[in-house]
Amino acid sequence: MPPSASLPAALSSPLGPEPKATARPGGGEPQAVVPPFEAVYEEHFDLVFRNVRRLGVPDALVDDAVQEVFLVVYRRLGQFEGRSSLKTWICSIVTRVASDHRRALRRKSPHACGKAEAVDVDTVVDERAEGPHEHTVRLEGARLLHKLLDELEFDKRTVLVLAELEGMTAPEIADALGENVNTMYARLRAARRDFDQAVARERARDTWRLR
């Protein structure tokens, strides 16, 4: 389960500005109401935590990646203009931080990425809330999901995670990644195809092992 969403010491004081409207360039009506950082942190902690894991950041680096995401949010929150949802904006930061962590890890150890035994915290229920068999099945399903995601290129993995697991639309993903929306539709189709092929390979391996 994810750690408590209490503020890390590096971000605990000050908490950032009170909610305020961001003015449009050149005047006019304000664009968005910017919530205080503490509220953003509490509301989006789980979103950040689960997606740095889904995007392949190894368990040992997850806490560092989460703190790095919120450090960027803290520094840039006053610049948020409301052109997308706050969730979309934060997801754009998550994808950049996850990509940077994977790239740095790959430089240190070329075979390190894609080997983490990450578990999707959104798919795992506390064992006390269900029977041990159901808990084991759910846990194995979560591990299999991450194993299959590990077989995808990072760009395809990202769009698949945001679309299928976070329920974001192609235009929202395009905003988050700074890409053309048609490119996102094409990449999502390719990601789904590659994921289905990974599932088929895994089933074939299971069939071979049972012979």
Foldseek 3Di string as FASTA:
>chain_A
DDDDLDDDPVQVPPQADAWDFDADVPGDDGQDTQHTLVVVSNVCVLVLQLVLVLLFQAPVCSVVLSVVLSVVCRVCSSVDRNPDDPSLQSLLSSLVSSVVRVVVVCVVPVPPTLPHQDFRPVQADPCVVDPPVVNVVSRVVRSVSSNLLSVDDSVLSSLCCCCVVVVDDLVSNCVSNVHDSVVSVVSPVVSVVSSVVSVVVVVVVVVVVVD
